[in-house]
N, C-alpha and C. Protein backbone atom coordinates (compact mmCIF):
# COMPACT_ATOMS: atom_id res chain seq x y z
N MET A 1 -0.29 0.34 -36.07
CA MET A 1 0.83 1.06 -35.52
C MET A 1 0.53 2.55 -35.59
N SER A 2 0.91 3.28 -34.57
CA SER A 2 0.73 4.72 -34.58
C SER A 2 1.95 5.38 -33.95
N LEU A 3 2.14 6.63 -34.31
CA LEU A 3 3.29 7.39 -33.83
C LEU A 3 2.82 8.53 -32.96
N SER A 4 3.65 8.94 -32.03
CA SER A 4 3.36 10.15 -31.29
C SER A 4 3.79 11.34 -32.17
N PRO A 5 3.22 12.50 -31.95
CA PRO A 5 3.61 13.66 -32.76
C PRO A 5 5.10 13.98 -32.66
N GLN A 6 5.69 13.80 -31.49
CA GLN A 6 7.11 14.07 -31.32
C GLN A 6 7.95 13.09 -32.12
N ARG A 7 7.57 11.82 -32.08
CA ARG A 7 8.31 10.80 -32.82
C ARG A 7 8.22 11.06 -34.32
N ARG A 8 7.03 11.43 -34.80
CA ARG A 8 6.85 11.73 -36.22
C ARG A 8 7.75 12.89 -36.62
N SER A 9 7.78 13.96 -35.83
CA SER A 9 8.59 15.12 -36.21
C SER A 9 10.08 14.78 -36.19
N SER A 10 10.51 13.96 -35.25
CA SER A 10 11.94 13.59 -35.23
C SER A 10 12.29 12.70 -36.42
N LEU A 11 11.37 11.80 -36.81
CA LEU A 11 11.62 10.96 -37.98
C LEU A 11 11.63 11.79 -39.26
N LEU A 12 10.75 12.78 -39.33
CA LEU A 12 10.73 13.65 -40.52
C LEU A 12 12.00 14.49 -40.62
N GLN A 13 12.55 14.90 -39.48
CA GLN A 13 13.78 15.69 -39.51
C GLN A 13 14.94 14.89 -40.10
N GLY A 14 14.87 13.58 -39.99
CA GLY A 14 15.93 12.72 -40.53
C GLY A 14 15.78 12.46 -42.02
N GLN A 15 14.72 12.98 -42.64
CA GLN A 15 14.47 12.75 -44.07
C GLN A 15 15.00 13.93 -44.89
N THR A 16 15.15 13.68 -46.18
CA THR A 16 15.56 14.76 -47.08
C THR A 16 14.41 15.73 -47.26
N SER A 17 14.71 16.93 -47.78
CA SER A 17 13.66 17.93 -47.97
C SER A 17 12.64 17.45 -48.99
N ILE A 18 13.07 16.71 -50.00
CA ILE A 18 12.13 16.19 -51.00
C ILE A 18 11.23 15.15 -50.34
N ALA A 19 11.79 14.30 -49.51
CA ALA A 19 10.98 13.28 -48.83
C ALA A 19 9.97 13.93 -47.89
N ARG A 20 10.37 15.02 -47.22
CA ARG A 20 9.42 15.74 -46.36
C ARG A 20 8.28 16.32 -47.18
N LYS A 21 8.61 16.85 -48.36
CA LYS A 21 7.59 17.41 -49.25
C LYS A 21 6.66 16.31 -49.75
N VAL A 22 7.22 15.16 -50.11
CA VAL A 22 6.42 14.03 -50.57
C VAL A 22 5.49 13.57 -49.44
N TYR A 23 5.99 13.57 -48.23
CA TYR A 23 5.20 13.13 -47.08
C TYR A 23 3.93 13.97 -46.93
N GLU A 24 4.02 15.25 -47.22
CA GLU A 24 2.87 16.14 -47.10
C GLU A 24 1.74 15.74 -48.04
N PHE A 25 2.07 15.10 -49.16
CA PHE A 25 1.07 14.75 -50.16
C PHE A 25 0.55 13.32 -50.03
N ILE A 26 1.04 12.59 -49.06
CA ILE A 26 0.55 11.22 -48.83
C ILE A 26 -0.67 11.32 -47.93
N PRO A 27 -1.77 10.65 -48.28
CA PRO A 27 -2.99 10.75 -47.47
C PRO A 27 -2.77 10.24 -46.05
N SER A 28 -3.37 10.95 -45.09
CA SER A 28 -3.27 10.51 -43.70
C SER A 28 -4.54 9.80 -43.24
N SER A 29 -5.60 9.90 -44.04
CA SER A 29 -6.86 9.25 -43.70
C SER A 29 -6.68 7.73 -43.73
N GLN A 30 -7.31 7.06 -42.78
CA GLN A 30 -7.19 5.60 -42.70
C GLN A 30 -7.99 4.90 -43.79
N THR A 31 -8.80 5.65 -44.54
CA THR A 31 -9.59 5.04 -45.60
C THR A 31 -9.03 5.31 -46.98
N ALA A 32 -8.04 6.20 -47.06
CA ALA A 32 -7.49 6.57 -48.37
C ALA A 32 -6.03 6.16 -48.48
N SER A 33 -5.60 5.93 -49.71
CA SER A 33 -4.19 5.66 -49.98
C SER A 33 -3.90 6.22 -51.36
N ALA A 34 -2.62 6.39 -51.67
CA ALA A 34 -2.25 6.97 -52.96
C ALA A 34 -1.07 6.22 -53.54
N THR A 35 -1.06 6.11 -54.87
CA THR A 35 0.07 5.49 -55.56
C THR A 35 1.11 6.55 -55.83
N ALA A 36 2.27 6.13 -56.30
CA ALA A 36 3.33 7.07 -56.62
C ALA A 36 2.88 8.05 -57.69
N PHE A 37 2.12 7.58 -58.66
CA PHE A 37 1.63 8.47 -59.72
C PHE A 37 0.64 9.49 -59.17
N ASP A 38 -0.23 9.06 -58.24
CA ASP A 38 -1.18 10.00 -57.62
C ASP A 38 -0.44 11.10 -56.87
N ILE A 39 0.58 10.71 -56.14
CA ILE A 39 1.36 11.67 -55.36
C ILE A 39 2.10 12.61 -56.29
N CYS A 40 2.67 12.06 -57.35
CA CYS A 40 3.41 12.88 -58.32
C CYS A 40 2.50 13.92 -58.96
N SER A 41 1.30 13.51 -59.34
CA SER A 41 0.37 14.46 -59.98
C SER A 41 -0.13 15.48 -58.97
N ALA A 42 -0.34 15.09 -57.71
CA ALA A 42 -0.77 16.04 -56.68
C ALA A 42 0.31 17.09 -56.43
N ILE A 43 1.57 16.67 -56.41
CA ILE A 43 2.67 17.62 -56.22
C ILE A 43 2.71 18.59 -57.39
N HIS A 44 2.54 18.07 -58.60
CA HIS A 44 2.58 18.91 -59.81
C HIS A 44 1.43 19.91 -59.80
N LYS A 45 0.23 19.49 -59.41
CA LYS A 45 -0.92 20.39 -59.37
C LYS A 45 -0.74 21.47 -58.31
N GLU A 46 -0.21 21.08 -57.15
CA GLU A 46 -0.08 22.00 -56.02
C GLU A 46 1.06 22.99 -56.21
N THR A 47 2.22 22.51 -56.60
CA THR A 47 3.40 23.37 -56.66
C THR A 47 3.78 23.77 -58.07
N GLY A 48 3.31 23.06 -59.05
CA GLY A 48 3.69 23.34 -60.43
C GLY A 48 5.02 22.71 -60.80
N ALA A 49 5.69 22.10 -59.83
CA ALA A 49 6.99 21.48 -60.08
C ALA A 49 6.79 19.99 -60.31
N GLY A 50 7.58 19.43 -61.20
CA GLY A 50 7.52 18.00 -61.45
C GLY A 50 8.59 17.27 -60.65
N VAL A 51 8.26 16.10 -60.18
CA VAL A 51 9.21 15.27 -59.45
C VAL A 51 9.45 14.01 -60.26
N ASP A 52 10.70 13.64 -60.42
CA ASP A 52 11.03 12.43 -61.14
C ASP A 52 10.43 11.24 -60.39
N ILE A 53 9.80 10.34 -61.11
CA ILE A 53 9.11 9.20 -60.49
C ILE A 53 10.08 8.29 -59.73
N HIS A 54 11.31 8.18 -60.21
CA HIS A 54 12.31 7.35 -59.52
C HIS A 54 12.72 7.98 -58.20
N VAL A 55 12.86 9.30 -58.20
CA VAL A 55 13.18 10.01 -56.96
C VAL A 55 12.01 9.88 -55.99
N LEU A 56 10.80 10.01 -56.51
CA LEU A 56 9.61 9.88 -55.67
C LEU A 56 9.52 8.49 -55.05
N ARG A 57 9.79 7.46 -55.82
CA ARG A 57 9.76 6.09 -55.28
C ARG A 57 10.84 5.89 -54.22
N GLY A 58 12.00 6.50 -54.43
CA GLY A 58 13.06 6.43 -53.42
C GLY A 58 12.63 7.10 -52.12
N CYS A 59 11.95 8.25 -52.25
CA CYS A 59 11.44 8.94 -51.07
C CYS A 59 10.40 8.09 -50.36
N LEU A 60 9.51 7.47 -51.12
CA LEU A 60 8.48 6.61 -50.52
C LEU A 60 9.12 5.43 -49.80
N ARG A 61 10.16 4.86 -50.40
CA ARG A 61 10.84 3.73 -49.76
C ARG A 61 11.49 4.18 -48.45
N ALA A 62 12.14 5.35 -48.48
CA ALA A 62 12.79 5.86 -47.26
C ALA A 62 11.76 6.16 -46.18
N LEU A 63 10.63 6.74 -46.57
CA LEU A 63 9.57 7.03 -45.60
C LEU A 63 8.98 5.75 -45.02
N LYS A 64 8.85 4.74 -45.86
CA LYS A 64 8.32 3.45 -45.40
C LYS A 64 9.30 2.78 -44.45
N GLU A 65 10.59 2.81 -44.77
CA GLU A 65 11.60 2.17 -43.92
C GLU A 65 11.72 2.88 -42.57
N SER A 66 11.47 4.19 -42.56
CA SER A 66 11.57 4.92 -41.29
C SER A 66 10.31 4.75 -40.44
N GLY A 67 9.24 4.20 -41.03
CA GLY A 67 8.03 3.95 -40.27
C GLY A 67 7.02 5.08 -40.33
N LEU A 68 7.25 6.06 -41.18
CA LEU A 68 6.31 7.17 -41.32
C LEU A 68 5.14 6.84 -42.23
N VAL A 69 5.34 5.88 -43.14
CA VAL A 69 4.36 5.55 -44.15
C VAL A 69 4.17 4.03 -44.18
N ASN A 70 2.94 3.61 -44.41
CA ASN A 70 2.64 2.18 -44.61
C ASN A 70 2.31 1.96 -46.07
N GLU A 71 2.74 0.83 -46.59
CA GLU A 71 2.34 0.44 -47.94
C GLU A 71 1.13 -0.47 -47.76
N VAL A 72 -0.05 0.10 -47.94
CA VAL A 72 -1.30 -0.61 -47.67
C VAL A 72 -1.44 -1.79 -48.61
N VAL A 73 -1.35 -1.52 -49.89
CA VAL A 73 -1.35 -2.53 -50.94
C VAL A 73 -0.10 -2.23 -51.74
N SER A 74 0.42 -3.20 -52.42
CA SER A 74 1.64 -2.98 -53.19
C SER A 74 1.49 -1.75 -54.09
N GLY A 75 2.28 -0.72 -53.80
CA GLY A 75 2.26 0.49 -54.60
C GLY A 75 1.33 1.57 -54.09
N SER A 76 0.55 1.32 -53.04
CA SER A 76 -0.36 2.32 -52.46
C SER A 76 0.11 2.66 -51.05
N PHE A 77 0.23 3.95 -50.78
CA PHE A 77 0.83 4.40 -49.53
C PHE A 77 -0.14 5.25 -48.72
N ARG A 78 0.07 5.22 -47.38
CA ARG A 78 -0.74 5.99 -46.44
C ARG A 78 0.15 6.36 -45.27
N GLN A 79 -0.06 7.56 -44.73
CA GLN A 79 0.70 7.97 -43.55
C GLN A 79 0.31 7.10 -42.36
N VAL A 80 1.27 6.85 -41.48
CA VAL A 80 0.99 6.12 -40.25
C VAL A 80 0.19 7.05 -39.34
N ALA A 81 -0.79 6.50 -38.67
CA ALA A 81 -1.67 7.30 -37.80
C ALA A 81 -0.88 7.94 -36.67
N ILE A 82 -1.28 9.13 -36.31
CA ILE A 82 -0.68 9.84 -35.19
C ILE A 82 -1.59 9.66 -34.00
N LYS A 83 -1.04 9.13 -32.91
CA LYS A 83 -1.90 8.89 -31.74
C LYS A 83 -2.03 10.17 -30.93
N GLU A 84 -3.24 10.35 -30.45
CA GLU A 84 -3.53 11.51 -29.63
C GLU A 84 -2.95 11.30 -28.24
N LYS A 85 -2.64 12.38 -27.60
CA LYS A 85 -2.08 12.30 -26.27
C LYS A 85 -3.16 11.82 -25.32
N GLU A 86 -2.86 10.77 -24.58
CA GLU A 86 -3.83 10.21 -23.66
C GLU A 86 -3.73 10.94 -22.32
N THR A 87 -4.86 11.19 -21.73
CA THR A 87 -4.86 11.84 -20.42
C THR A 87 -4.90 10.76 -19.35
N MET A 88 -4.14 10.98 -18.33
CA MET A 88 -4.09 10.05 -17.22
C MET A 88 -5.28 10.31 -16.30
N PRO A 89 -5.98 9.28 -15.86
CA PRO A 89 -7.08 9.49 -14.93
C PRO A 89 -6.54 9.98 -13.58
N ALA A 90 -7.31 10.81 -12.93
CA ALA A 90 -6.89 11.34 -11.63
C ALA A 90 -6.89 10.20 -10.61
N LEU A 91 -5.84 10.14 -9.84
CA LEU A 91 -5.73 9.10 -8.81
C LEU A 91 -6.45 9.56 -7.55
N LYS A 92 -7.17 8.64 -6.95
CA LYS A 92 -7.86 8.95 -5.71
C LYS A 92 -6.91 8.65 -4.56
N PRO A 93 -6.89 9.52 -3.56
CA PRO A 93 -6.00 9.24 -2.42
C PRO A 93 -6.49 8.02 -1.65
N VAL A 94 -5.55 7.23 -1.20
CA VAL A 94 -5.88 6.02 -0.45
C VAL A 94 -6.08 6.40 1.01
N GLN A 95 -7.20 5.95 1.56
CA GLN A 95 -7.48 6.23 2.96
C GLN A 95 -7.10 5.02 3.80
N ALA A 96 -6.56 5.30 4.96
CA ALA A 96 -6.18 4.23 5.87
C ALA A 96 -7.44 3.57 6.41
N GLU A 97 -7.42 2.25 6.50
CA GLU A 97 -8.58 1.51 7.01
C GLU A 97 -8.62 1.63 8.52
N LYS A 98 -9.74 2.11 8.99
CA LYS A 98 -9.89 2.25 10.44
C LYS A 98 -10.90 1.26 10.98
N ASN A 99 -11.71 0.71 10.09
CA ASN A 99 -12.76 -0.21 10.51
C ASN A 99 -12.19 -1.62 10.64
N PRO A 100 -12.25 -2.26 11.81
CA PRO A 100 -11.71 -3.61 11.96
C PRO A 100 -12.43 -4.63 11.09
N ALA A 101 -13.69 -4.37 10.75
CA ALA A 101 -14.44 -5.31 9.90
C ALA A 101 -13.81 -5.36 8.51
N GLU A 102 -13.33 -4.21 8.03
CA GLU A 102 -12.67 -4.19 6.73
C GLU A 102 -11.35 -4.94 6.79
N LYS A 103 -10.63 -4.81 7.91
CA LYS A 103 -9.38 -5.54 8.08
C LYS A 103 -9.66 -7.04 8.10
N LEU A 104 -10.76 -7.42 8.72
CA LEU A 104 -11.13 -8.82 8.77
C LEU A 104 -11.38 -9.34 7.35
N GLY A 105 -11.97 -8.50 6.52
CA GLY A 105 -12.21 -8.88 5.13
C GLY A 105 -10.88 -9.13 4.41
N ALA A 106 -9.90 -8.30 4.66
CA ALA A 106 -8.59 -8.47 4.05
C ALA A 106 -7.92 -9.73 4.59
N MET A 107 -8.07 -9.96 5.89
CA MET A 107 -7.48 -11.16 6.49
C MET A 107 -8.16 -12.41 5.94
N GLU A 108 -9.44 -12.31 5.73
CA GLU A 108 -10.18 -13.45 5.16
C GLU A 108 -9.70 -13.72 3.73
N ALA A 109 -9.47 -12.65 2.98
CA ALA A 109 -8.97 -12.81 1.61
C ALA A 109 -7.59 -13.45 1.62
N LEU A 110 -6.73 -13.03 2.54
CA LEU A 110 -5.41 -13.64 2.65
C LEU A 110 -5.51 -15.11 3.03
N GLY A 111 -6.45 -15.43 3.91
CA GLY A 111 -6.67 -16.83 4.28
C GLY A 111 -7.11 -17.66 3.09
N ASN A 112 -7.99 -17.08 2.26
CA ASN A 112 -8.43 -17.79 1.06
C ASN A 112 -7.29 -18.02 0.09
N ILE A 113 -6.44 -17.03 -0.05
CA ILE A 113 -5.28 -17.17 -0.95
C ILE A 113 -4.35 -18.26 -0.42
N ALA A 114 -4.11 -18.25 0.89
CA ALA A 114 -3.24 -19.27 1.49
C ALA A 114 -3.82 -20.67 1.28
N ALA A 115 -5.13 -20.80 1.40
CA ALA A 115 -5.77 -22.11 1.19
C ALA A 115 -5.59 -22.55 -0.27
N SER A 116 -5.71 -21.60 -1.19
CA SER A 116 -5.52 -21.93 -2.61
C SER A 116 -4.09 -22.39 -2.87
N VAL A 117 -3.13 -21.73 -2.24
CA VAL A 117 -1.73 -22.11 -2.42
C VAL A 117 -1.49 -23.51 -1.85
N ARG A 118 -2.07 -23.80 -0.69
CA ARG A 118 -1.92 -25.14 -0.12
C ARG A 118 -2.51 -26.20 -1.04
N GLN A 119 -3.68 -25.90 -1.62
CA GLN A 119 -4.33 -26.83 -2.53
C GLN A 119 -3.45 -27.06 -3.76
N ALA A 120 -2.86 -25.98 -4.28
CA ALA A 120 -1.96 -26.10 -5.43
C ALA A 120 -0.74 -26.93 -5.06
N ALA A 121 -0.22 -26.73 -3.85
CA ALA A 121 0.93 -27.50 -3.40
C ALA A 121 0.58 -28.99 -3.31
N ASP A 122 -0.62 -29.30 -2.81
CA ASP A 122 -1.05 -30.69 -2.74
C ASP A 122 -1.13 -31.31 -4.14
N LEU A 123 -1.67 -30.53 -5.09
CA LEU A 123 -1.74 -31.03 -6.47
C LEU A 123 -0.34 -31.26 -7.04
N LEU A 124 0.59 -30.38 -6.72
CA LEU A 124 1.97 -30.55 -7.20
C LEU A 124 2.61 -31.79 -6.57
N ARG A 125 2.36 -32.01 -5.27
CA ARG A 125 2.89 -33.21 -4.62
C ARG A 125 2.34 -34.47 -5.29
N GLN A 126 1.04 -34.46 -5.57
CA GLN A 126 0.41 -35.60 -6.22
C GLN A 126 1.01 -35.82 -7.61
N ALA A 127 1.25 -34.74 -8.35
CA ALA A 127 1.87 -34.86 -9.68
C ALA A 127 3.28 -35.42 -9.55
N ALA A 128 4.02 -34.98 -8.54
CA ALA A 128 5.38 -35.49 -8.32
C ALA A 128 5.35 -36.98 -8.00
N ASP A 129 4.37 -37.41 -7.19
CA ASP A 129 4.25 -38.83 -6.87
C ASP A 129 3.93 -39.64 -8.14
N ASP A 130 3.07 -39.10 -9.00
CA ASP A 130 2.73 -39.78 -10.26
C ASP A 130 3.97 -39.90 -11.14
N ILE A 131 4.77 -38.85 -11.18
CA ILE A 131 6.01 -38.88 -11.98
C ILE A 131 6.95 -39.95 -11.45
N ASP A 132 7.09 -40.02 -10.12
CA ASP A 132 7.94 -41.05 -9.51
C ASP A 132 7.46 -42.45 -9.87
N THR A 133 6.15 -42.67 -9.82
CA THR A 133 5.58 -43.97 -10.13
C THR A 133 5.89 -44.36 -11.58
N VAL A 134 5.71 -43.41 -12.48
CA VAL A 134 6.00 -43.69 -13.89
C VAL A 134 7.49 -43.96 -14.08
N ALA A 135 8.34 -43.20 -13.38
CA ALA A 135 9.79 -43.40 -13.50
C ALA A 135 10.19 -44.80 -13.01
N VAL A 136 9.59 -45.25 -11.92
CA VAL A 136 9.89 -46.59 -11.41
C VAL A 136 9.44 -47.64 -12.42
N GLY A 137 8.25 -47.42 -13.01
CA GLY A 137 7.76 -48.36 -14.03
C GLY A 137 8.68 -48.41 -15.23
N ILE A 138 9.18 -47.27 -15.64
CA ILE A 138 10.10 -47.23 -16.78
C ILE A 138 11.40 -47.95 -16.43
N GLU A 139 11.89 -47.76 -15.22
CA GLU A 139 13.13 -48.42 -14.79
C GLU A 139 12.94 -49.93 -14.77
N GLU A 140 11.80 -50.41 -14.26
CA GLU A 140 11.53 -51.85 -14.22
C GLU A 140 11.46 -52.40 -15.65
N LYS A 141 10.78 -51.70 -16.54
CA LYS A 141 10.68 -52.16 -17.93
C LYS A 141 12.07 -52.17 -18.57
N SER A 142 12.87 -51.16 -18.24
CA SER A 142 14.22 -51.10 -18.78
C SER A 142 15.04 -52.30 -18.30
N ASN A 143 14.89 -52.67 -17.01
CA ASN A 143 15.60 -53.83 -16.48
C ASN A 143 15.12 -55.11 -17.18
N ASP A 144 13.81 -55.23 -17.38
CA ASP A 144 13.26 -56.40 -18.07
C ASP A 144 13.81 -56.48 -19.49
N ASP A 145 13.86 -55.32 -20.18
CA ASP A 145 14.39 -55.29 -21.54
C ASP A 145 15.87 -55.66 -21.56
N ARG A 146 16.60 -55.18 -20.56
CA ARG A 146 18.03 -55.50 -20.47
C ARG A 146 18.24 -57.01 -20.28
N LYS A 147 17.41 -57.62 -19.43
CA LYS A 147 17.51 -59.07 -19.21
C LYS A 147 17.15 -59.83 -20.48
N ALA A 148 16.11 -59.38 -21.17
CA ALA A 148 15.71 -60.05 -22.41
C ALA A 148 16.81 -59.91 -23.46
N LEU A 149 17.45 -58.76 -23.52
CA LEU A 149 18.55 -58.56 -24.47
C LEU A 149 19.73 -59.48 -24.13
N GLU A 150 20.01 -59.61 -22.86
CA GLU A 150 21.10 -60.50 -22.44
C GLU A 150 20.79 -61.95 -22.82
N THR A 151 19.56 -62.36 -22.62
CA THR A 151 19.15 -63.71 -23.00
C THR A 151 19.25 -63.90 -24.51
N LEU A 152 18.85 -62.90 -25.26
CA LEU A 152 18.93 -62.96 -26.72
C LEU A 152 20.38 -63.09 -27.18
N ARG A 153 21.27 -62.36 -26.57
CA ARG A 153 22.70 -62.45 -26.94
C ARG A 153 23.28 -63.83 -26.61
N GLN A 154 22.88 -64.38 -25.47
CA GLN A 154 23.33 -65.73 -25.13
C GLN A 154 22.84 -66.75 -26.14
N LEU A 155 21.58 -66.59 -26.55
CA LEU A 155 21.01 -67.50 -27.54
C LEU A 155 21.73 -67.37 -28.87
N GLN A 156 22.07 -66.13 -29.27
CA GLN A 156 22.82 -65.93 -30.50
C GLN A 156 24.20 -66.58 -30.41
N ALA A 157 24.85 -66.43 -29.26
CA ALA A 157 26.16 -67.04 -29.08
C ALA A 157 26.09 -68.56 -29.17
N LEU A 158 25.04 -69.17 -28.61
CA LEU A 158 24.87 -70.61 -28.69
C LEU A 158 24.64 -71.08 -30.13
N LEU A 159 23.85 -70.28 -30.87
CA LEU A 159 23.56 -70.64 -32.25
C LEU A 159 24.81 -70.51 -33.14
N LYS A 160 25.66 -69.56 -32.87
CA LYS A 160 26.88 -69.36 -33.65
C LYS A 160 27.92 -70.46 -33.29
N GLY A 161 27.92 -70.81 -32.06
CA GLY A 161 28.97 -71.67 -31.54
C GLY A 161 28.81 -73.08 -31.85
């Protein structure tokens, strides 16, 4: 998963100032991750201020829930990758076909597609015929079973009577 720079900045704006500060100390490299203790010690070394570990874990949880941070392994965190802006390839202008031979190629392609559709339709008709055949066979078997059941009931009635 990756975020666009605009999406990341809007998600960060929704975080507390402490969470934004914690985010700065979470590794962004895809090969590195840091535990809460690593982040806490990095903040202390950099700013000289201590952060309560419970507050830090709450910030990490909020950052993870917002999608800014991934928990790579239980207790190890990494920033979500920021995707670079993709450039759109330049579109080439479409030229009108003036050569009748090229039109014939397109007509030939359409003919081939139509033939494929007809072939598919024939296969579908054949499948429908097979389904009908099986349905008739099931109906006949059902009738045979119904007759056998009726005979069985008559035999039971004779035996009881």
